[in-house]
């Protein structure tokens, strides 16, 4: 899935490198799960996200994820099946893909899917709220000095 102003350039480059890449553009909702099931990886070098439902859908479909550190998804994506990239350097993104695919070689789709519920279990939600409150208190204390 994907598209945008660089789609043709990316497709041409992938073809010249012998990389299997298909950029479908936006898809109707009923096709998303099938495309994810047919994919090896979910890669989104996004500039900003909020919750990032697409990343959650990819993990729910049993696919590893490589994406940026710009959004709330960093709080629920399990690092064992995800690579969060904080740089805009293409080589860093390429290494992230190789790294996460290497970590997931022996994992089944179910193994990857099973990382998602942990993030939304009551104990994990409580920990996340605790971290958020601790960060807010620390930041408030730092600014009020």
N, C-alpha and C. Protein backbone atom coordinates (compact mmCIF):
# COMPACT_ATOMS: atom_id res chain seq x y z
N UNK A 1 0.86 -1.16 0.00
CA UNK A 1 0.00 0.00 0.00
C UNK A 1 0.90 1.21 0.00
N UNK A 2 0.44 2.24 -0.53
CA UNK A 2 1.21 3.45 -0.50
C UNK A 2 1.16 4.18 -1.81
N UNK A 3 1.65 5.37 -1.76
CA UNK A 3 1.67 6.23 -2.93
C UNK A 3 2.30 7.54 -2.56
N UNK A 4 1.97 8.57 -3.31
CA UNK A 4 2.48 9.89 -3.01
C UNK A 4 3.39 10.40 -4.10
N UNK A 5 3.96 11.56 -3.86
CA UNK A 5 4.74 12.23 -4.91
C UNK A 5 6.02 11.49 -5.31
N UNK A 6 6.53 10.62 -4.46
CA UNK A 6 7.76 9.89 -4.78
C UNK A 6 7.51 8.46 -5.25
N UNK A 7 6.26 8.10 -5.45
CA UNK A 7 5.90 6.72 -5.78
C UNK A 7 6.62 6.22 -7.03
N UNK A 8 6.58 6.99 -8.09
CA UNK A 8 7.21 6.54 -9.34
C UNK A 8 8.72 6.40 -9.17
N UNK A 9 9.32 7.35 -8.50
CA UNK A 9 10.76 7.30 -8.26
C UNK A 9 11.14 6.07 -7.43
N UNK A 10 10.34 5.79 -6.39
CA UNK A 10 10.61 4.62 -5.54
C UNK A 10 10.44 3.32 -6.31
N UNK A 11 9.39 3.25 -7.12
CA UNK A 11 9.15 2.05 -7.91
C UNK A 11 10.29 1.81 -8.90
N UNK A 12 10.73 2.88 -9.57
CA UNK A 12 11.85 2.76 -10.52
C UNK A 12 13.12 2.30 -9.82
N UNK A 13 13.41 2.89 -8.67
CA UNK A 13 14.61 2.52 -7.93
C UNK A 13 14.54 1.05 -7.48
N UNK A 14 13.40 0.66 -6.93
CA UNK A 14 13.23 -0.72 -6.49
C UNK A 14 13.44 -1.68 -7.65
N UNK A 15 12.88 -1.36 -8.80
CA UNK A 15 13.03 -2.23 -9.97
C UNK A 15 14.50 -2.33 -10.38
N UNK A 16 15.22 -1.21 -10.36
CA UNK A 16 16.64 -1.23 -10.75
C UNK A 16 17.48 -2.04 -9.77
N UNK A 17 17.02 -2.16 -8.53
CA UNK A 17 17.75 -2.91 -7.51
C UNK A 17 17.25 -4.35 -7.38
N UNK A 18 16.24 -4.70 -8.16
CA UNK A 18 15.69 -6.05 -8.10
C UNK A 18 14.84 -6.30 -6.86
N UNK A 19 14.27 -5.24 -6.32
CA UNK A 19 13.43 -5.34 -5.12
C UNK A 19 11.97 -5.41 -5.53
N UNK A 20 11.25 -6.36 -4.95
CA UNK A 20 9.82 -6.52 -5.23
C UNK A 20 9.06 -5.47 -4.43
N UNK A 21 8.52 -4.47 -5.11
CA UNK A 21 7.81 -3.38 -4.46
C UNK A 21 6.53 -3.09 -5.22
N UNK A 22 5.43 -3.02 -4.49
CA UNK A 22 4.16 -2.65 -5.09
C UNK A 22 3.55 -1.53 -4.26
N UNK A 23 3.36 -0.39 -4.89
CA UNK A 23 2.71 0.74 -4.24
C UNK A 23 1.30 0.84 -4.81
N UNK A 24 0.32 0.47 -4.03
CA UNK A 24 -1.05 0.37 -4.51
C UNK A 24 -1.81 1.68 -4.45
N UNK A 25 -1.29 2.65 -3.72
CA UNK A 25 -2.10 3.84 -3.44
C UNK A 25 -3.10 3.49 -2.36
N UNK A 26 -4.01 4.40 -2.08
CA UNK A 26 -5.00 4.15 -1.03
C UNK A 26 -5.94 3.04 -1.47
N UNK A 27 -6.27 2.17 -0.53
CA UNK A 27 -7.13 1.02 -0.82
C UNK A 27 -8.43 1.10 -0.04
N UNK A 28 -9.49 0.51 -0.59
CA UNK A 28 -10.71 0.39 0.20
C UNK A 28 -10.46 -0.50 1.41
N UNK A 29 -11.16 -0.25 2.49
CA UNK A 29 -10.93 -0.97 3.74
C UNK A 29 -11.00 -2.48 3.61
N UNK A 30 -11.87 -2.98 2.73
CA UNK A 30 -12.01 -4.43 2.62
C UNK A 30 -10.82 -5.09 1.94
N UNK A 31 -9.93 -4.31 1.32
CA UNK A 31 -8.74 -4.87 0.67
C UNK A 31 -7.48 -4.79 1.54
N UNK A 32 -7.52 -3.97 2.57
CA UNK A 32 -6.34 -3.73 3.40
C UNK A 32 -5.83 -5.02 4.04
N UNK A 33 -6.70 -5.80 4.65
CA UNK A 33 -6.26 -7.02 5.34
C UNK A 33 -5.61 -8.01 4.38
N UNK A 34 -6.15 -8.13 3.17
CA UNK A 34 -5.56 -9.06 2.21
C UNK A 34 -4.17 -8.59 1.77
N UNK A 35 -4.03 -7.31 1.53
CA UNK A 35 -2.72 -6.78 1.13
C UNK A 35 -1.71 -6.97 2.26
N UNK A 36 -2.12 -6.71 3.49
CA UNK A 36 -1.22 -6.94 4.63
C UNK A 36 -0.86 -8.42 4.73
N UNK A 37 -1.82 -9.29 4.54
CA UNK A 37 -1.55 -10.74 4.62
C UNK A 37 -0.55 -11.17 3.55
N UNK A 38 -0.58 -10.52 2.41
CA UNK A 38 0.32 -10.86 1.31
C UNK A 38 1.69 -10.18 1.43
N UNK A 39 1.86 -9.32 2.41
CA UNK A 39 3.09 -8.53 2.56
C UNK A 39 4.06 -9.20 3.52
N UNK A 40 5.32 -8.81 3.41
CA UNK A 40 6.35 -9.29 4.33
C UNK A 40 6.58 -8.32 5.48
N UNK A 41 6.27 -7.05 5.25
CA UNK A 41 6.66 -5.99 6.18
C UNK A 41 5.76 -4.80 5.96
N UNK A 42 5.55 -4.02 7.03
CA UNK A 42 4.81 -2.76 6.93
C UNK A 42 5.82 -1.65 7.19
N UNK A 43 6.11 -0.86 6.18
CA UNK A 43 7.12 0.21 6.25
C UNK A 43 6.45 1.53 5.96
N UNK A 44 6.53 2.46 6.92
CA UNK A 44 5.96 3.79 6.73
C UNK A 44 6.91 4.83 7.30
N UNK A 45 7.68 5.49 6.44
CA UNK A 45 8.58 6.56 6.91
C UNK A 45 7.80 7.87 7.07
N UNK A 46 6.85 7.87 7.99
CA UNK A 46 5.93 8.97 8.16
C UNK A 46 6.59 10.18 8.85
N UNK A 47 6.10 11.35 8.51
CA UNK A 47 6.58 12.57 9.17
C UNK A 47 5.87 12.80 10.49
N UNK A 48 4.63 12.30 10.62
CA UNK A 48 3.88 12.46 11.86
C UNK A 48 2.66 11.57 11.83
N UNK A 49 2.33 11.04 12.97
CA UNK A 49 1.13 10.21 13.14
C UNK A 49 0.52 10.53 14.49
N UNK A 50 -0.75 10.16 14.65
CA UNK A 50 -1.36 10.24 15.97
C UNK A 50 -1.31 8.82 16.55
N UNK A 51 -2.42 8.13 16.62
CA UNK A 51 -2.41 6.75 17.13
C UNK A 51 -1.74 5.80 16.14
N UNK A 52 -1.94 6.00 14.86
CA UNK A 52 -1.37 5.21 13.76
C UNK A 52 -2.03 3.84 13.68
N UNK A 53 -3.29 3.88 13.31
CA UNK A 53 -4.09 2.66 13.17
C UNK A 53 -3.45 1.68 12.19
N UNK A 54 -2.84 2.19 11.13
CA UNK A 54 -2.21 1.31 10.13
C UNK A 54 -1.16 0.40 10.74
N UNK A 55 -0.36 0.93 11.65
CA UNK A 55 0.66 0.11 12.30
C UNK A 55 0.02 -0.96 13.17
N UNK A 56 -1.04 -0.60 13.88
CA UNK A 56 -1.75 -1.59 14.70
C UNK A 56 -2.37 -2.67 13.81
N UNK A 57 -2.92 -2.27 12.66
CA UNK A 57 -3.50 -3.24 11.73
C UNK A 57 -2.43 -4.18 11.18
N UNK A 58 -1.25 -3.64 10.91
CA UNK A 58 -0.16 -4.48 10.39
C UNK A 58 0.25 -5.54 11.40
N UNK A 59 0.42 -5.13 12.66
CA UNK A 59 0.79 -6.10 13.70
C UNK A 59 -0.35 -7.09 13.90
N UNK A 60 -1.58 -6.62 13.86
CA UNK A 60 -2.73 -7.51 13.99
C UNK A 60 -2.77 -8.53 12.85
N UNK A 61 -2.20 -8.16 11.70
CA UNK A 61 -2.12 -9.08 10.57
C UNK A 61 -0.86 -9.94 10.64
N UNK A 62 -0.05 -9.74 11.67
CA UNK A 62 1.15 -10.57 11.86
C UNK A 62 2.34 -10.11 11.04
N UNK A 63 2.43 -8.83 10.79
CA UNK A 63 3.54 -8.29 10.01
C UNK A 63 4.42 -7.38 10.86
N UNK A 64 5.75 -7.51 10.73
CA UNK A 64 6.64 -6.59 11.43
C UNK A 64 6.48 -5.18 10.86
N UNK A 65 6.86 -4.20 11.67
CA UNK A 65 6.65 -2.79 11.31
C UNK A 65 7.97 -2.02 11.42
N UNK A 66 8.22 -1.18 10.43
CA UNK A 66 9.31 -0.20 10.49
C UNK A 66 8.69 1.16 10.23
N UNK A 67 8.86 2.07 11.17
CA UNK A 67 8.27 3.40 11.02
C UNK A 67 9.07 4.42 11.83
N UNK A 68 8.65 5.66 11.76
CA UNK A 68 9.37 6.72 12.45
C UNK A 68 8.96 6.82 13.91
N UNK A 69 9.65 7.67 14.63
CA UNK A 69 9.38 7.85 16.05
C UNK A 69 8.42 9.01 16.30
N UNK A 70 7.70 9.42 15.29
CA UNK A 70 6.85 10.61 15.38
C UNK A 70 5.38 10.23 15.53
N UNK A 71 4.98 9.88 16.74
CA UNK A 71 3.58 9.56 16.99
C UNK A 71 3.39 8.67 18.20
N UNK A 72 2.13 8.46 18.55
CA UNK A 72 1.79 7.67 19.74
C UNK A 72 2.04 6.18 19.56
N UNK A 73 2.24 5.74 18.34
CA UNK A 73 2.47 4.31 18.08
C UNK A 73 3.72 3.79 18.78
N UNK A 74 4.63 4.66 19.11
CA UNK A 74 5.84 4.21 19.80
C UNK A 74 5.52 3.64 21.18
N UNK A 75 4.35 3.95 21.70
CA UNK A 75 3.97 3.45 23.02
C UNK A 75 3.35 2.06 22.97
N UNK A 76 2.90 1.60 21.81
CA UNK A 76 2.26 0.29 21.78
C UNK A 76 2.94 -0.72 20.86
N UNK A 77 3.87 -0.30 20.03
CA UNK A 77 4.56 -1.26 19.16
C UNK A 77 5.68 -1.94 19.93
N UNK A 78 5.67 -3.25 19.90
CA UNK A 78 6.66 -4.05 20.63
C UNK A 78 7.98 -4.05 19.88
N UNK A 79 9.08 -3.67 20.54
CA UNK A 79 10.37 -3.59 19.86
C UNK A 79 10.89 -4.92 19.32
N UNK A 80 10.33 -6.03 19.76
CA UNK A 80 10.78 -7.32 19.24
C UNK A 80 10.33 -7.54 17.80
N UNK A 81 9.27 -6.84 17.39
CA UNK A 81 8.74 -7.01 16.03
C UNK A 81 8.63 -5.69 15.29
N UNK A 82 9.29 -4.67 15.84
CA UNK A 82 9.19 -3.32 15.29
C UNK A 82 10.55 -2.66 15.31
N UNK A 83 10.76 -1.81 14.37
CA UNK A 83 11.96 -0.96 14.38
C UNK A 83 11.45 0.48 14.26
N UNK A 84 11.76 1.29 15.27
CA UNK A 84 11.37 2.70 15.29
C UNK A 84 12.60 3.51 14.89
N UNK A 85 12.46 4.30 13.84
CA UNK A 85 13.59 5.03 13.27
C UNK A 85 13.45 6.51 13.60
N UNK A 86 14.51 7.09 14.13
CA UNK A 86 14.46 8.50 14.53
C UNK A 86 15.25 9.41 13.58
N UNK A 87 15.75 8.86 12.50
CA UNK A 87 16.53 9.66 11.56
C UNK A 87 15.89 9.61 10.18
N UNK A 88 16.21 10.59 9.36
CA UNK A 88 15.69 10.64 8.00
C UNK A 88 16.66 10.06 6.99
N UNK A 89 17.74 9.48 7.45
CA UNK A 89 18.78 8.92 6.58
C UNK A 89 18.31 7.61 5.95
N UNK A 90 18.30 7.50 4.62
CA UNK A 90 17.84 6.27 3.96
C UNK A 90 18.61 5.02 4.39
N UNK A 91 19.89 5.14 4.65
CA UNK A 91 20.68 3.97 5.07
C UNK A 91 20.20 3.47 6.44
N UNK A 92 19.81 4.37 7.31
CA UNK A 92 19.28 3.98 8.63
C UNK A 92 17.97 3.22 8.46
N UNK A 93 17.13 3.68 7.56
CA UNK A 93 15.87 2.99 7.29
C UNK A 93 16.13 1.61 6.71
N UNK A 94 17.09 1.51 5.80
CA UNK A 94 17.42 0.21 5.20
C UNK A 94 17.91 -0.77 6.27
N UNK A 95 18.77 -0.30 7.18
CA UNK A 95 19.27 -1.15 8.26
C UNK A 95 18.11 -1.59 9.17
N UNK A 96 17.17 -0.69 9.39
CA UNK A 96 16.02 -1.02 10.23
C UNK A 96 15.19 -2.15 9.62
N UNK A 97 15.01 -2.11 8.31
CA UNK A 97 14.27 -3.18 7.63
C UNK A 97 15.01 -4.50 7.78
N UNK A 98 16.31 -4.49 7.52
CA UNK A 98 17.10 -5.71 7.63
C UNK A 98 17.07 -6.23 9.07
N UNK A 99 17.21 -5.33 10.04
CA UNK A 99 17.22 -5.74 11.45
C UNK A 99 15.90 -6.38 11.88
N UNK A 100 14.78 -5.74 11.57
CA UNK A 100 13.50 -6.28 12.03
C UNK A 100 13.15 -7.57 11.30
N UNK A 101 13.49 -7.65 10.03
CA UNK A 101 13.24 -8.90 9.30
C UNK A 101 14.09 -10.03 9.86
N UNK A 102 15.32 -9.72 10.25
CA UNK A 102 16.18 -10.72 10.87
C UNK A 102 15.63 -11.21 12.20
N UNK A 103 15.12 -10.28 13.01
CA UNK A 103 14.53 -10.66 14.30
C UNK A 103 13.26 -11.48 14.14
N UNK A 104 12.57 -11.28 13.03
CA UNK A 104 11.27 -11.93 12.85
C UNK A 104 11.33 -13.19 11.97
N UNK A 105 12.52 -13.57 11.55
CA UNK A 105 12.67 -14.72 10.66
C UNK A 105 12.00 -15.97 11.21
N UNK A 106 12.17 -16.26 12.48
CA UNK A 106 11.62 -17.47 13.08
C UNK A 106 10.27 -17.25 13.76
N UNK A 107 9.70 -16.08 13.57
CA UNK A 107 8.41 -15.79 14.19
C UNK A 107 7.28 -16.06 13.21
N UNK A 108 6.22 -16.61 13.73
CA UNK A 108 5.02 -16.80 12.91
C UNK A 108 4.19 -15.52 12.95
N UNK A 109 3.22 -15.44 12.08
CA UNK A 109 2.30 -14.31 12.11
C UNK A 109 1.63 -14.22 13.47
N UNK A 110 1.29 -15.36 14.05
CA UNK A 110 0.65 -15.40 15.36
C UNK A 110 1.57 -14.82 16.44
N UNK A 111 2.86 -15.15 16.36
CA UNK A 111 3.82 -14.60 17.32
C UNK A 111 3.81 -13.07 17.27
N UNK A 112 3.77 -12.54 16.06
CA UNK A 112 3.77 -11.08 15.89
C UNK A 112 2.44 -10.51 16.38
N UNK A 113 1.34 -11.15 16.02
CA UNK A 113 0.02 -10.70 16.48
C UNK A 113 -0.06 -10.66 18.00
N UNK A 114 0.54 -11.65 18.63
CA UNK A 114 0.46 -11.76 20.09
C UNK A 114 1.17 -10.63 20.81
N UNK A 115 2.00 -9.85 20.13
CA UNK A 115 2.65 -8.71 20.79
C UNK A 115 1.69 -7.55 20.97
N UNK A 116 0.66 -7.49 20.18
CA UNK A 116 -0.26 -6.35 20.24
C UNK A 116 -1.14 -6.34 21.48
N UNK A 117 -1.80 -7.44 21.83
CA UNK A 117 -2.67 -7.38 23.00
C UNK A 117 -1.96 -6.99 24.29
N UNK A 118 -0.69 -7.38 24.42
CA UNK A 118 0.04 -7.00 25.64
C UNK A 118 0.05 -5.49 25.80
N UNK A 119 0.17 -4.80 24.71
CA UNK A 119 0.24 -3.34 24.80
C UNK A 119 -1.07 -2.74 25.29
N UNK A 120 -2.17 -3.44 25.09
CA UNK A 120 -3.47 -2.91 25.48
C UNK A 120 -4.09 -3.63 26.67
N UNK A 121 -3.32 -4.48 27.32
CA UNK A 121 -3.83 -5.16 28.51
C UNK A 121 -3.95 -4.13 29.64
N UNK A 122 -4.80 -4.39 30.63
CA UNK A 122 -4.97 -3.42 31.72
C UNK A 122 -3.65 -3.06 32.42
N UNK A 123 -2.78 -4.04 32.63
CA UNK A 123 -1.52 -3.73 33.32
C UNK A 123 -0.62 -2.85 32.47
N UNK A 124 -0.58 -3.09 31.17
CA UNK A 124 0.26 -2.25 30.29
C UNK A 124 -0.32 -0.84 30.17
N UNK A 125 -1.64 -0.74 30.10
CA UNK A 125 -2.28 0.59 30.03
C UNK A 125 -1.97 1.35 31.32
N UNK A 126 -2.05 0.68 32.46
CA UNK A 126 -1.73 1.32 33.74
C UNK A 126 -0.28 1.79 33.77
N UNK A 127 0.65 0.94 33.28
CA UNK A 127 2.07 1.34 33.23
C UNK A 127 2.26 2.56 32.34
N UNK A 128 1.58 2.57 31.19
CA UNK A 128 1.70 3.69 30.26
C UNK A 128 1.19 4.98 30.90
N UNK A 129 0.06 4.90 31.60
CA UNK A 129 -0.44 6.08 32.31
C UNK A 129 0.55 6.52 33.38
N UNK A 130 1.11 5.56 34.09
CA UNK A 130 2.10 5.89 35.11
C UNK A 130 3.30 6.62 34.52
N UNK A 131 3.81 6.12 33.39
CA UNK A 131 4.94 6.79 32.72
C UNK A 131 4.56 8.20 32.27
N UNK A 132 3.33 8.33 31.75
CA UNK A 132 2.88 9.65 31.29
C UNK A 132 2.80 10.64 32.46
N UNK A 133 2.24 10.18 33.58
CA UNK A 133 2.16 11.05 34.75
C UNK A 133 3.55 11.40 35.29
N UNK A 134 4.44 10.42 35.34
CA UNK A 134 5.80 10.69 35.80
C UNK A 134 6.50 11.72 34.91
N UNK A 135 6.32 11.58 33.62
CA UNK A 135 6.92 12.54 32.68
C UNK A 135 6.33 13.92 32.89
N UNK A 136 5.02 13.98 33.04
CA UNK A 136 4.36 15.28 33.24
C UNK A 136 4.82 15.94 34.53
N UNK A 137 4.93 15.18 35.61
CA UNK A 137 5.37 15.73 36.90
C UNK A 137 6.81 16.20 36.79
N UNK A 138 7.66 15.40 36.17
CA UNK A 138 9.07 15.79 36.00
C UNK A 138 9.18 17.07 35.19
N UNK A 139 8.45 17.12 34.09
CA UNK A 139 8.51 18.30 33.23
C UNK A 139 7.96 19.53 33.94
N UNK A 140 6.84 19.37 34.66
CA UNK A 140 6.28 20.49 35.41
C UNK A 140 7.26 20.98 36.46
N UNK A 141 7.86 20.04 37.19
CA UNK A 141 8.83 20.41 38.23
C UNK A 141 10.01 21.15 37.63
N UNK A 142 10.49 20.68 36.49
CA UNK A 142 11.64 21.30 35.83
C UNK A 142 11.30 22.73 35.39
N UNK A 143 10.11 22.93 34.87
CA UNK A 143 9.73 24.25 34.36
C UNK A 143 9.37 25.23 35.47
N UNK A 144 8.92 24.74 36.61
CA UNK A 144 8.47 25.64 37.66
C UNK A 144 9.58 26.08 38.60
N UNK A 145 10.81 25.69 38.30
CA UNK A 145 11.94 26.10 39.17
C UNK A 145 12.35 27.49 38.90
